[in-house]
């Protein structure tokens, strides 16, 4: 591997469009602590009120819940989500010419997912900070972190938009699909400006596969949540709901991690001919399952890390590969 293929991350990202860089750098800064507290309290209160209203409006009781669907969501869908998050971080690391060892990818996946529950661009902050420890500047790290997210938003917009069209709302579906194409185009342009020259096609395919899998997994999670409350849905409807999860990727750039995804699901539900109350409930169920799994995973990883400290060999796998002469 030559120096030109490994080291010129600075040169690649300096040539990136200044407007895109300014947006990313601006959103890679947290809100003030006071603002975070206020937003968190307000959003949590609104979410609780909305959940109670939706639960009563849907006339549900705990005896109505399909606990098998909840179990599958917890034991299958949630671990798969964490696994994709790990792969996504490793992909961002490859964009700066580095790699992510399993332990670092797992840590970043858990911490960044938890950070997204706060009214800060949590995932972007955590991912960019970790990538900066692997040899990139903070701006380069934020730029690389944004590429998979924009690709996810684009692919979800395209697939989900088609789902909305099939579900019965051509106008909204068309808007989502066009927006998805635009996001995917921006992600592709950023990728061409930032990705290492060596292995670029394989890395592009890797990103598309991972982000498409995100959309499918998001749809599966929505289907399980709907099944948990006894609601049947078509494939087009669950894929349309997957757009909500992808649109919530904007949480990396906008505040209010808690509540944004639930609100988007609730807003999309009537558009695809599902009651608003059901949309609120399924969004809350999906969130509760994910938070519970995430908390348990964090405890298990903390216990495992305490008994298996990182070795110098493990740490070396997180560093950029050494440059070699041509």
C-alpha atoms as a PDB file:
ATOM      1  CA  UNK A   1       0.000   0.000   0.000  1.00  0.00           C
ATOM      2  CA  UNK A   2       1.461   3.395  -0.973  1.00  0.00           C
ATOM      3  CA  UNK A   3       1.496   6.618   0.985  1.00  0.00           C
ATOM      4  CA  UNK A   4      -0.890   8.136  -1.503  1.00  0.00           C
ATOM      5  CA  UNK A   5      -3.396   5.394  -0.727  1.00  0.00           C
ATOM      6  CA  UNK A   6      -3.109   5.572   3.059  1.00  0.00           C
ATOM      7  CA  UNK A   7      -2.180   8.942   4.344  1.00  0.00           C
ATOM      8  CA  UNK A   8      -3.794  11.724   2.312  1.00  0.00           C
ATOM      9  CA  UNK A   9      -7.021  11.900   4.322  1.00  0.00           C
ATOM     10  CA  UNK A  10      -6.325  15.592   4.978  1.00  0.00           C
ATOM     11  CA  UNK A  11      -5.915  16.294   1.261  1.00  0.00           C
ATOM     12  CA  UNK A  12      -9.067  14.338   0.331  1.00  0.00           C
ATOM     13  CA  UNK A  13     -11.362  16.004   2.840  1.00  0.00           C
ATOM     14  CA  UNK A  14      -9.926  19.492   2.417  1.00  0.00           C
ATOM     15  CA  UNK A  15     -11.250  19.409  -1.115  1.00  0.00           C
ATOM     16  CA  UNK A  16     -14.736  18.508   0.110  1.00  0.00           C
ATOM     17  CA  UNK A  17     -17.490  21.060  -0.547  1.00  0.00           C
ATOM     18  CA  UNK A  18     -17.129  23.807   2.059  1.00  0.00           C
ATOM     19  CA  UNK A  19     -20.895  24.130   2.568  1.00  0.00           C
ATOM     20  CA  UNK A  20     -21.238  20.462   3.497  1.00  0.00           C
ATOM     21  CA  UNK A  21     -18.234  20.678   5.806  1.00  0.00           C
ATOM     22  CA  UNK A  22     -19.646  23.757   7.535  1.00  0.00           C
ATOM     23  CA  UNK A  23     -22.966  22.012   8.206  1.00  0.00           C
ATOM     24  CA  UNK A  24     -21.264  18.899   9.586  1.00  0.00           C
ATOM     25  CA  UNK A  25     -18.813  20.851  11.732  1.00  0.00           C
ATOM     26  CA  UNK A  26     -21.610  23.031  13.096  1.00  0.00           C
ATOM     27  CA  UNK A  27     -23.778  20.072  14.069  1.00  0.00           C
ATOM     28  CA  UNK A  28     -20.835  18.199  15.565  1.00  0.00           C
ATOM     29  CA  UNK A  29     -21.005  20.589  18.509  1.00  0.00           C
ATOM     30  CA  UNK A  30     -23.281  19.878  21.488  1.00  0.00           C
ATOM     31  CA  UNK A  31     -25.930  22.225  22.804  1.00  0.00           C
ATOM     32  CA  UNK A  32     -25.380  23.943  26.118  1.00  0.00           C
ATOM     33  CA  UNK A  33     -26.001  21.765  29.171  1.00  0.00           C
ATOM     34  CA  UNK A  34     -28.964  23.907  30.232  1.00  0.00           C
ATOM     35  CA  UNK A  35     -30.588  23.562  26.806  1.00  0.00           C
ATOM     36  CA  UNK A  36     -30.017  19.817  26.844  1.00  0.00           C
ATOM     37  CA  UNK A  37     -31.738  19.465  30.213  1.00  0.00           C
ATOM     38  CA  UNK A  38     -34.712  21.613  29.180  1.00  0.00           C
ATOM     39  CA  UNK A  39     -35.212  19.801  25.874  1.00  0.00           C
ATOM     40  CA  UNK A  40     -34.850  16.375  27.506  1.00  0.00           C
ATOM     41  CA  UNK A  41     -37.449  17.130  30.192  1.00  0.00           C
ATOM     42  CA  UNK A  42     -39.938  18.685  27.770  1.00  0.00           C
ATOM     43  CA  UNK A  43     -39.650  15.894  25.201  1.00  0.00           C
ATOM     44  CA  UNK A  44     -39.892  13.139  27.832  1.00  0.00           C
ATOM     45  CA  UNK A  45     -43.026  14.691  29.323  1.00  0.00           C
ATOM     46  CA  UNK A  46     -44.635  15.051  25.899  1.00  0.00           C
ATOM     47  CA  UNK A  47     -43.708  11.476  25.012  1.00  0.00           C
ATOM     48  CA  UNK A  48     -45.261  10.106  28.208  1.00  0.00           C
ATOM     49  CA  UNK A  49     -48.454  12.111  27.660  1.00  0.00           C
ATOM     50  CA  UNK A  50     -48.670  10.998  24.020  1.00  0.00           C
ATOM     51  CA  UNK A  51     -48.050   7.366  25.003  1.00  0.00           C
ATOM     52  CA  UNK A  52     -50.806   7.372  27.630  1.00  0.00           C
ATOM     53  CA  UNK A  53     -53.227   8.988  25.188  1.00  0.00           C
ATOM     54  CA  UNK A  54     -52.371   6.524  22.413  1.00  0.00           C
ATOM     55  CA  UNK A  55     -52.616   3.513  24.740  1.00  0.00           C
ATOM     56  CA  UNK A  56     -56.101   4.540  25.846  1.00  0.00           C
ATOM     57  CA  UNK A  57     -57.199   5.539  22.356  1.00  0.00           C
ATOM     58  CA  UNK A  58     -56.118   2.152  20.992  1.00  0.00           C
ATOM     59  CA  UNK A  59     -57.935   0.469  23.910  1.00  0.00           C
ATOM     60  CA  UNK A  60     -55.007  -1.766  24.716  1.00  0.00           C
ATOM     61  CA  UNK A  61     -54.144  -3.703  27.847  1.00  0.00           C
ATOM     62  CA  UNK A  62     -51.069  -5.728  28.770  1.00  0.00           C
ATOM     63  CA  UNK A  63     -53.060  -8.902  28.168  1.00  0.00           C
ATOM     64  CA  UNK A  64     -53.461  -7.817  24.537  1.00  0.00           C
ATOM     65  CA  UNK A  65     -49.702  -7.683  23.934  1.00  0.00           C
ATOM     66  CA  UNK A  66     -48.101 -10.463  21.904  1.00  0.00           C
ATOM     67  CA  UNK A  67     -45.080 -11.129  24.107  1.00  0.00           C
ATOM     68  CA  UNK A  68     -43.564 -13.559  21.588  1.00  0.00           C
ATOM     69  CA  UNK A  69     -43.153 -10.653  19.162  1.00  0.00           C
ATOM     70  CA  UNK A  70     -41.558  -8.602  21.946  1.00  0.00           C
ATOM     71  CA  UNK A  71     -39.170 -11.454  22.713  1.00  0.00           C
ATOM     72  CA  UNK A  72     -38.146 -11.779  19.057  1.00  0.00           C
ATOM     73  CA  UNK A  73     -37.587  -8.024  18.885  1.00  0.00           C
ATOM     74  CA  UNK A  74     -35.386  -8.181  21.985  1.00  0.00           C
ATOM     75  CA  UNK A  75     -33.416 -11.337  21.176  1.00  0.00           C
ATOM     76  CA  UNK A  76     -33.112 -11.031  17.387  1.00  0.00           C
ATOM     77  CA  UNK A  77     -33.853  -7.562  16.023  1.00  0.00           C
ATOM     78  CA  UNK A  78     -32.075  -5.575  18.744  1.00  0.00           C
ATOM     79  CA  UNK A  79     -28.785  -7.562  18.584  1.00  0.00           C
ATOM     80  CA  UNK A  80     -28.879  -7.310  14.789  1.00  0.00           C
ATOM     81  CA  UNK A  81     -29.280  -3.540  15.112  1.00  0.00           C
ATOM     82  CA  UNK A  82     -26.229  -3.339  17.342  1.00  0.00           C
ATOM     83  CA  UNK A  83     -24.282  -5.520  14.912  1.00  0.00           C
ATOM     84  CA  UNK A  84     -25.103  -3.230  11.990  1.00  0.00           C
ATOM     85  CA  UNK A  85     -24.070  -0.241  14.084  1.00  0.00           C
ATOM     86  CA  UNK A  86     -20.686  -1.894  14.621  1.00  0.00           C
ATOM     87  CA  UNK A  87     -20.274  -2.585  10.905  1.00  0.00           C
ATOM     88  CA  UNK A  88     -21.229   0.988  10.126  1.00  0.00           C
ATOM     89  CA  UNK A  89     -18.533   2.332  12.453  1.00  0.00           C
ATOM     90  CA  UNK A  90     -15.927   0.070  10.904  1.00  0.00           C
ATOM     91  CA  UNK A  91     -16.986   1.385   7.497  1.00  0.00           C
ATOM     92  CA  UNK A  92     -16.515   4.981   8.652  1.00  0.00           C
ATOM     93  CA  UNK A  93     -13.065   3.999   9.936  1.00  0.00           C
ATOM     94  CA  UNK A  94     -12.198   2.555   6.530  1.00  0.00           C
ATOM     95  CA  UNK A  95     -13.135   5.886   4.961  1.00  0.00           C
ATOM     96  CA  UNK A  96     -10.249   7.504   6.829  1.00  0.00           C
ATOM     97  CA  UNK A  97      -7.876   4.690   5.880  1.00  0.00           C
ATOM     98  CA  UNK A  98      -8.122   2.865   9.200  1.00  0.00           C
ATOM     99  CA  UNK A  99      -9.941  -0.166  10.624  1.00  0.00           C
ATOM    100  CA  UNK A 100     -11.971  -0.787  13.786  1.00  0.00           C
ATOM    101  CA  UNK A 101     -11.250  -3.748  16.036  1.00  0.00           C
ATOM    102  CA  UNK A 102     -14.264  -5.644  17.386  1.00  0.00           C
ATOM    103  CA  UNK A 103     -13.920  -4.191  20.892  1.00  0.00           C
ATOM    104  CA  UNK A 104     -13.760  -0.589  19.745  1.00  0.00           C
ATOM    105  CA  UNK A 105     -16.631  -1.058  17.286  1.00  0.00           C
ATOM    106  CA  UNK A 106     -18.760  -2.608  20.049  1.00  0.00           C
ATOM    107  CA  UNK A 107     -17.967   0.191  22.491  1.00  0.00           C
ATOM    108  CA  UNK A 108     -18.717   2.909  19.941  1.00  0.00           C
ATOM    109  CA  UNK A 109     -21.947   1.200  18.843  1.00  0.00           C
ATOM    110  CA  UNK A 110     -23.263   1.081  22.411  1.00  0.00           C
ATOM    111  CA  UNK A 111     -22.122   4.539  23.486  1.00  0.00           C
ATOM    112  CA  UNK A 112     -23.231   6.290  20.288  1.00  0.00           C
ATOM    113  CA  UNK A 113     -26.643   4.611  20.435  1.00  0.00           C
ATOM    114  CA  UNK A 114     -27.064   5.730  24.037  1.00  0.00           C
ATOM    115  CA  UNK A 115     -25.885   9.249  23.161  1.00  0.00           C
ATOM    116  CA  UNK A 116     -28.646   9.494  20.548  1.00  0.00           C
ATOM    117  CA  UNK A 117     -31.169   9.426  23.391  1.00  0.00           C
ATOM    118  CA  UNK A 118     -29.970  12.889  24.448  1.00  0.00           C
ATOM    119  CA  UNK A 119     -30.844  16.254  22.847  1.00  0.00           C
ATOM    120  CA  UNK A 120     -27.409  16.441  21.207  1.00  0.00           C
ATOM    121  CA  UNK A 121     -25.998  15.119  17.921  1.00  0.00           C
ATOM    122  CA  UNK A 122     -24.916  12.149  20.012  1.00  0.00           C
ATOM    123  CA  UNK A 123     -23.990   9.522  17.464  1.00  0.00           C
ATOM    124  CA  UNK A 124     -22.004  11.993  15.380  1.00  0.00           C
ATOM    125  CA  UNK A 125     -20.113  13.283  18.426  1.00  0.00           C
ATOM    126  CA  UNK A 126     -19.172   9.835  19.696  1.00  0.00           C
ATOM    127  CA  UNK A 127     -18.270   8.406  16.297  1.00  0.00           C
ATOM    128  CA  UNK A 128     -16.271  11.462  15.234  1.00  0.00           C
ATOM    129  CA  UNK A 129     -14.360  11.526  18.524  1.00  0.00           C
ATOM    130  CA  UNK A 130     -13.479   7.846  18.230  1.00  0.00           C
ATOM    131  CA  UNK A 131     -12.375   8.219  14.609  1.00  0.00           C
ATOM    132  CA  UNK A 132     -10.226  11.203  15.565  1.00  0.00           C
ATOM    133  CA  UNK A 133      -8.381   8.873  17.945  1.00  0.00           C
ATOM    134  CA  UNK A 134      -7.607   6.651  14.966  1.00  0.00           C
ATOM    135  CA  UNK A 135      -5.598   9.259  13.073  1.00  0.00           C
ATOM    136  CA  UNK A 136      -8.119  11.689  11.540  1.00  0.00           C
ATOM    137  CA  UNK A 137      -8.755  15.319  12.424  1.00  0.00           C
ATOM    138  CA  UNK A 138     -12.130  15.995  14.019  1.00  0.00           C
ATOM    139  CA  UNK A 139     -13.482  17.580  10.840  1.00  0.00           C
ATOM    140  CA  UNK A 140     -12.370  14.614   8.731  1.00  0.00           C
ATOM    141  CA  UNK A 141     -13.887  12.213  11.248  1.00  0.00           C
ATOM    142  CA  UNK A 142     -17.227  14.036  11.244  1.00  0.00           C
ATOM    143  CA  UNK A 143     -17.198  14.073   7.444  1.00  0.00           C
ATOM    144  CA  UNK A 144     -16.549  10.311   7.275  1.00  0.00           C
ATOM    145  CA  UNK A 145     -19.234   9.628   9.903  1.00  0.00           C
ATOM    146  CA  UNK A 146     -21.829  11.512   7.890  1.00  0.00           C
ATOM    147  CA  UNK A 147     -21.395   9.497   4.683  1.00  0.00           C
ATOM    148  CA  UNK A 148     -22.988   6.200   5.876  1.00  0.00           C
ATOM    149  CA  UNK A 149     -25.749   8.165   7.613  1.00  0.00           C
ATOM    150  CA  UNK A 150     -26.629  10.084   4.468  1.00  0.00           C
ATOM    151  CA  UNK A 151     -26.519   6.857   2.449  1.00  0.00           C
ATOM    152  CA  UNK A 152     -28.938   5.284   4.940  1.00  0.00           C
ATOM    153  CA  UNK A 153     -31.255   8.276   4.736  1.00  0.00           C
ATOM    154  CA  UNK A 154     -31.126   8.150   0.946  1.00  0.00           C
ATOM    155  CA  UNK A 155     -31.767   4.415   0.581  1.00  0.00           C
ATOM    156  CA  UNK A 156     -34.556   4.522   3.167  1.00  0.00           C
ATOM    157  CA  UNK A 157     -36.154   7.479   1.420  1.00  0.00           C
ATOM    158  CA  UNK A 158     -36.134   5.662  -1.912  1.00  0.00           C
ATOM    159  CA  UNK A 159     -37.431   2.315  -0.590  1.00  0.00           C
ATOM    160  CA  UNK A 160     -39.783   3.830   1.975  1.00  0.00           C
ATOM    161  CA  UNK A 161     -41.103   6.318  -0.561  1.00  0.00           C
ATOM    162  CA  UNK A 162     -42.010   3.481  -2.899  1.00  0.00           C
ATOM    163  CA  UNK A 163     -43.693   1.794   0.057  1.00  0.00           C
ATOM    164  CA  UNK A 164     -45.760   4.914   0.717  1.00  0.00           C
ATOM    165  CA  UNK A 165     -46.771   5.006  -2.953  1.00  0.00           C
ATOM    166  CA  UNK A 166     -47.926   1.373  -2.825  1.00  0.00           C
ATOM    167  CA  UNK A 167     -49.668   2.018   0.509  1.00  0.00           C
ATOM    168  CA  UNK A 168     -51.810   4.655  -1.166  1.00  0.00           C
ATOM    169  CA  UNK A 169     -50.199   8.105  -1.086  1.00  0.00           C
ATOM    170  CA  UNK A 170     -48.375   8.788  -4.317  1.00  0.00           C
ATOM    171  CA  UNK A 171     -47.584  12.452  -3.609  1.00  0.00           C
ATOM    172  CA  UNK A 172     -45.881  11.891  -0.250  1.00  0.00           C
ATOM    173  CA  UNK A 173     -44.150   8.784  -1.569  1.00  0.00           C
ATOM    174  CA  UNK A 174     -42.761  10.699  -4.532  1.00  0.00           C
ATOM    175  CA  UNK A 175     -41.436  13.458  -2.268  1.00  0.00           C
ATOM    176  CA  UNK A 176     -39.741  10.905  -0.013  1.00  0.00           C
ATOM    177  CA  UNK A 177     -38.198   9.077  -2.976  1.00  0.00           C
ATOM    178  CA  UNK A 178     -36.886  12.278  -4.562  1.00  0.00           C
ATOM    179  CA  UNK A 179     -35.488  13.367  -1.207  1.00  0.00           C
ATOM    180  CA  UNK A 180     -33.891   9.958  -0.822  1.00  0.00           C
ATOM    181  CA  UNK A 181     -32.273  10.201  -4.230  1.00  0.00           C
ATOM    182  CA  UNK A 182     -30.903  13.626  -3.346  1.00  0.00           C
ATOM    183  CA  UNK A 183     -29.418  12.387  -0.055  1.00  0.00           C
ATOM    184  CA  UNK A 184     -27.935   9.347  -1.746  1.00  0.00           C
ATOM    185  CA  UNK A 185     -26.421  11.581  -4.413  1.00  0.00           C
ATOM    186  CA  UNK A 186     -24.812  13.812  -1.776  1.00  0.00           C
ATOM    187  CA  UNK A 187     -23.499  10.751   0.069  1.00  0.00           C
ATOM    188  CA  UNK A 188     -22.034   9.436  -3.198  1.00  0.00           C
ATOM    189  CA  UNK A 189     -20.350  12.745  -3.950  1.00  0.00           C
ATOM    190  CA  UNK A 190     -18.881  12.940  -0.446  1.00  0.00           C
ATOM    191  CA  UNK A 191     -17.723   9.336  -0.749  1.00  0.00           C
ATOM    192  CA  UNK A 192     -15.860  10.059  -3.972  1.00  0.00           C
ATOM    193  CA  UNK A 193     -14.103  12.995  -2.319  1.00  0.00           C
ATOM    194  CA  UNK A 194     -13.157  11.178   0.890  1.00  0.00           C
ATOM    195  CA  UNK A 195     -12.772   7.441   0.265  1.00  0.00           C
ATOM    196  CA  UNK A 196      -9.288   5.924  -0.159  1.00  0.00           C
ATOM    197  CA  UNK A 197      -8.376   5.121  -3.755  1.00  0.00           C
ATOM    198  CA  UNK A 198      -7.566   1.499  -3.001  1.00  0.00           C
ATOM    199  CA  UNK A 199     -10.604  -0.744  -2.541  1.00  0.00           C
ATOM    200  CA  UNK A 200     -13.068   2.043  -3.280  1.00  0.00           C
ATOM    201  CA  UNK A 201     -15.610  -0.099  -5.207  1.00  0.00           C
ATOM    202  CA  UNK A 202     -15.667  -2.727  -2.446  1.00  0.00           C
ATOM    203  CA  UNK A 203     -16.142  -0.018   0.182  1.00  0.00           C
ATOM    204  CA  UNK A 204     -18.996   1.535  -1.786  1.00  0.00           C
ATOM    205  CA  UNK A 205     -20.725  -1.848  -2.066  1.00  0.00           C
ATOM    206  CA  UNK A 206     -20.171  -2.399   1.653  1.00  0.00           C
ATOM    207  CA  UNK A 207     -21.914   0.877   2.499  1.00  0.00           C
ATOM    208  CA  UNK A 208     -24.888   0.152   0.229  1.00  0.00           C
ATOM    209  CA  UNK A 209     -25.325  -3.369   1.637  1.00  0.00           C
ATOM    210  CA  UNK A 210     -25.120  -2.208   5.265  1.00  0.00           C
ATOM    211  CA  UNK A 211     -27.504   0.705   4.829  1.00  0.00           C
ATOM    212  CA  UNK A 212     -29.983  -1.362   2.803  1.00  0.00           C
ATOM    213  CA  UNK A 213     -29.880  -3.933   5.588  1.00  0.00           C
ATOM    214  CA  UNK A 214     -30.679  -1.111   8.030  1.00  0.00           C
ATOM    215  CA  UNK A 215     -33.860  -0.358   6.094  1.00  0.00           C
ATOM    216  CA  UNK A 216     -34.911  -4.005   6.028  1.00  0.00           C
ATOM    217  CA  UNK A 217     -34.169  -4.413   9.733  1.00  0.00           C
ATOM    218  CA  UNK A 218     -36.086  -1.240  10.576  1.00  0.00           C
ATOM    219  CA  UNK A 219     -39.073  -2.626   8.687  1.00  0.00           C
ATOM    220  CA  UNK A 220     -38.762  -5.910  10.562  1.00  0.00           C
ATOM    221  CA  UNK A 221     -38.736  -4.062  13.886  1.00  0.00           C
ATOM    222  CA  UNK A 222     -41.834  -2.120  12.890  1.00  0.00           C
ATOM    223  CA  UNK A 223     -43.571  -5.343  11.857  1.00  0.00           C
ATOM    224  CA  UNK A 224     -42.776  -6.920  15.216  1.00  0.00           C
ATOM    225  CA  UNK A 225     -44.067  -3.859  17.083  1.00  0.00           C
ATOM    226  CA  UNK A 226     -47.281  -3.930  15.056  1.00  0.00           C
ATOM    227  CA  UNK A 227     -47.677  -7.638  15.681  1.00  0.00           C
ATOM    228  CA  UNK A 228     -47.130  -7.023  19.396  1.00  0.00           C
ATOM    229  CA  UNK A 229     -50.268  -4.846  19.512  1.00  0.00           C
ATOM    230  CA  UNK A 230     -52.260  -7.166  17.254  1.00  0.00           C
ATOM    231  CA  UNK A 231     -52.129  -5.086  14.075  1.00  0.00           C
ATOM    232  CA  UNK A 232     -51.469  -6.644  10.684  1.00  0.00           C
ATOM    233  CA  UNK A 233     -49.616  -4.648   8.052  1.00  0.00           C
ATOM    234  CA  UNK A 234     -48.517  -5.087   4.465  1.00  0.00           C
ATOM    235  CA  UNK A 235     -44.819  -5.160   3.464  1.00  0.00           C
ATOM    236  CA  UNK A 236     -45.311  -1.732   1.863  1.00  0.00           C
ATOM    237  CA  UNK A 237     -46.583  -0.299   5.148  1.00  0.00           C
ATOM    238  CA  UNK A 238     -43.721  -1.634   7.273  1.00  0.00           C
ATOM    239  CA  UNK A 239     -41.134  -0.439   4.761  1.00  0.00           C
ATOM    240  CA  UNK A 240     -42.807   2.962   4.738  1.00  0.00           C
ATOM    241  CA  UNK A 241     -42.542   3.073   8.533  1.00  0.00           C
ATOM    242  CA  UNK A 242     -38.844   2.255   8.210  1.00  0.00           C
ATOM    243  CA  UNK A 243     -38.436   5.745   6.750  1.00  0.00           C
ATOM    244  CA  UNK A 244     -39.112   7.142  10.224  1.00  0.00           C
ATOM    245  CA  UNK A 245     -36.043   5.442  11.625  1.00  0.00           C
ATOM    246  CA  UNK A 246     -33.922   6.675   8.753  1.00  0.00           C
ATOM    247  CA  UNK A 247     -35.264  10.223   8.972  1.00  0.00           C
ATOM    248  CA  UNK A 248     -34.323  10.149  12.634  1.00  0.00           C
ATOM    249  CA  UNK A 249     -30.720   9.920  11.446  1.00  0.00           C
ATOM    250  CA  UNK A 250     -31.103  13.701  11.391  1.00  0.00           C
ATOM    251  CA  UNK A 251     -30.830  13.406  15.181  1.00  0.00           C
ATOM    252  CA  UNK A 252     -27.106  13.403  14.460  1.00  0.00           C
ATOM    253  CA  UNK A 253     -27.559  16.966  13.235  1.00  0.00           C
ATOM    254  CA  UNK A 254     -30.643  18.163  15.149  1.00  0.00           C
ATOM    255  CA  UNK A 255     -31.538  17.981  18.856  1.00  0.00           C
ATOM    256  CA  UNK A 256     -34.197  15.852  20.591  1.00  0.00           C
ATOM    257  CA  UNK A 257     -33.071  12.240  20.304  1.00  0.00           C
ATOM    258  CA  UNK A 258     -35.950  10.959  22.416  1.00  0.00           C
ATOM    259  CA  UNK A 259     -39.299  11.539  20.760  1.00  0.00           C
ATOM    260  CA  UNK A 260     -38.160  12.374  17.224  1.00  0.00           C
ATOM    261  CA  UNK A 261     -38.476   8.831  15.896  1.00  0.00           C
ATOM    262  CA  UNK A 262     -41.767   8.260  17.696  1.00  0.00           C
ATOM    263  CA  UNK A 263     -43.180  11.502  16.280  1.00  0.00           C
ATOM    264  CA  UNK A 264     -42.117  10.594  12.744  1.00  0.00           C
ATOM    265  CA  UNK A 265     -43.705   7.145  13.039  1.00  0.00           C
ATOM    266  CA  UNK A 266     -46.920   8.709  14.339  1.00  0.00           C
ATOM    267  CA  UNK A 267     -46.995  11.239  11.485  1.00  0.00           C
ATOM    268  CA  UNK A 268     -46.382   8.580   8.850  1.00  0.00           C
ATOM    269  CA  UNK A 269     -49.016   6.180  10.185  1.00  0.00           C
ATOM    270  CA  UNK A 270     -52.147   7.992   8.891  1.00  0.00           C
ATOM    271  CA  UNK A 271     -50.416   8.533   5.540  1.00  0.00           C
ATOM    272  CA  UNK A 272     -50.105   4.756   5.077  1.00  0.00           C
ATOM    273  CA  UNK A 273     -53.603   4.127   6.467  1.00  0.00           C
ATOM    274  CA  UNK A 274     -52.738   3.171  10.048  1.00  0.00           C
ATOM    275  CA  UNK A 275     -54.396   4.946  13.011  1.00  0.00           C
ATOM    276  CA  UNK A 276     -52.328   7.681  14.628  1.00  0.00           C
ATOM    277  CA  UNK A 277     -52.722   6.079  18.066  1.00  0.00           C
ATOM    278  CA  UNK A 278     -51.281   2.792  16.789  1.00  0.00           C
ATOM    279  CA  UNK A 279     -48.324   4.654  15.309  1.00  0.00           C
ATOM    280  CA  UNK A 280     -47.553   6.284  18.654  1.00  0.00           C
ATOM    281  CA  UNK A 281     -47.819   2.980  20.544  1.00  0.00           C
ATOM    282  CA  UNK A 282     -45.647   0.980  18.152  1.00  0.00           C
ATOM    283  CA  UNK A 283     -43.002   3.701  18.199  1.00  0.00           C
ATOM    284  CA  UNK A 284     -42.897   3.614  21.988  1.00  0.00           C
ATOM    285  CA  UNK A 285     -42.795  -0.201  22.092  1.00  0.00           C
ATOM    286  CA  UNK A 286     -39.875  -0.272  19.667  1.00  0.00           C
ATOM    287  CA  UNK A 287     -38.038   2.363  21.702  1.00  0.00           C
ATOM    288  CA  UNK A 288     -38.579   0.586  25.037  1.00  0.00           C
ATOM    289  CA  UNK A 289     -37.343  -2.739  23.642  1.00  0.00           C
ATOM    290  CA  UNK A 290     -34.236  -1.081  22.195  1.00  0.00           C
ATOM    291  CA  UNK A 291     -33.386   0.918  25.327  1.00  0.00           C
ATOM    292  CA  UNK A 292     -33.820  -2.168  27.530  1.00  0.00           C
ATOM    293  CA  UNK A 293     -31.559  -4.239  25.284  1.00  0.00           C
ATOM    294  CA  UNK A 294     -29.007  -1.425  25.066  1.00  0.00           C
ATOM    295  CA  UNK A 295     -28.856  -1.069  28.844  1.00  0.00           C
ATOM    296  CA  UNK A 296     -28.397  -4.819  29.289  1.00  0.00           C
ATOM    297  CA  UNK A 297     -25.738  -4.933  26.562  1.00  0.00           C
ATOM    298  CA  UNK A 298     -23.847  -2.074  28.213  1.00  0.00           C
ATOM    299  CA  UNK A 299     -23.804  -3.917  31.551  1.00  0.00           C
ATOM    300  CA  UNK A 300     -22.662  -7.186  29.950  1.00  0.00           C
ATOM    301  CA  UNK A 301     -19.906  -5.438  27.976  1.00  0.00           C
ATOM    302  CA  UNK A 302     -18.736  -3.552  31.081  1.00  0.00           C
ATOM    303  CA  UNK A 303     -18.464  -6.816  33.036  1.00  0.00           C
ATOM    304  CA  UNK A 304     -16.685  -8.520  30.128  1.00  0.00           C
ATOM    305  CA  UNK A 305     -14.252  -5.624  29.707  1.00  0.00           C
ATOM    306  CA  UNK A 306     -13.379  -5.662  33.406  1.00  0.00           C
ATOM    307  CA  UNK A 307     -12.297  -9.285  33.150  1.00  0.00           C
ATOM    308  CA  UNK A 308     -10.719  -8.993  29.682  1.00  0.00           C
ATOM    309  CA  UNK A 309      -8.631  -5.789  29.543  1.00  0.00           C
ATOM    310  CA  UNK A 310      -7.520  -4.550  26.142  1.00  0.00           C
ATOM    311  CA  UNK A 311      -4.105  -5.792  25.079  1.00  0.00           C
ATOM    312  CA  UNK A 312      -1.552  -3.766  23.092  1.00  0.00           C
ATOM    313  CA  UNK A 313      -2.295  -6.037  20.123  1.00  0.00           C
ATOM    314  CA  UNK A 314      -5.989  -5.132  20.323  1.00  0.00           C
ATOM    315  CA  UNK A 315      -5.211  -1.424  20.490  1.00  0.00           C
ATOM    316  CA  UNK A 316      -2.888  -1.674  17.496  1.00  0.00           C
ATOM    317  CA  UNK A 317      -5.757  -2.988  15.354  1.00  0.00           C
ATOM    318  CA  UNK A 318      -7.563   0.336  15.810  1.00  0.00           C
ATOM    319  CA  UNK A 319      -4.696   2.402  14.395  1.00  0.00           C
ATOM    320  CA  UNK A 320      -4.189   3.375  10.745  1.00  0.00           C
ATOM    321  CA  UNK A 321      -2.002   0.918   8.813  1.00  0.00           C
ATOM    322  CA  UNK A 322       1.584   2.104   8.454  1.00  0.00           C
ATOM    323  CA  UNK A 323       2.473   3.817   5.211  1.00  0.00           C
ATOM    324  CA  UNK A 324       4.887   1.956   2.964  1.00  0.00           C
ATOM    325  CA  UNK A 325       7.032   3.065   0.100  1.00  0.00           C
ATOM    326  CA  UNK A 326       5.809   2.418  -3.438  1.00  0.00           C
END
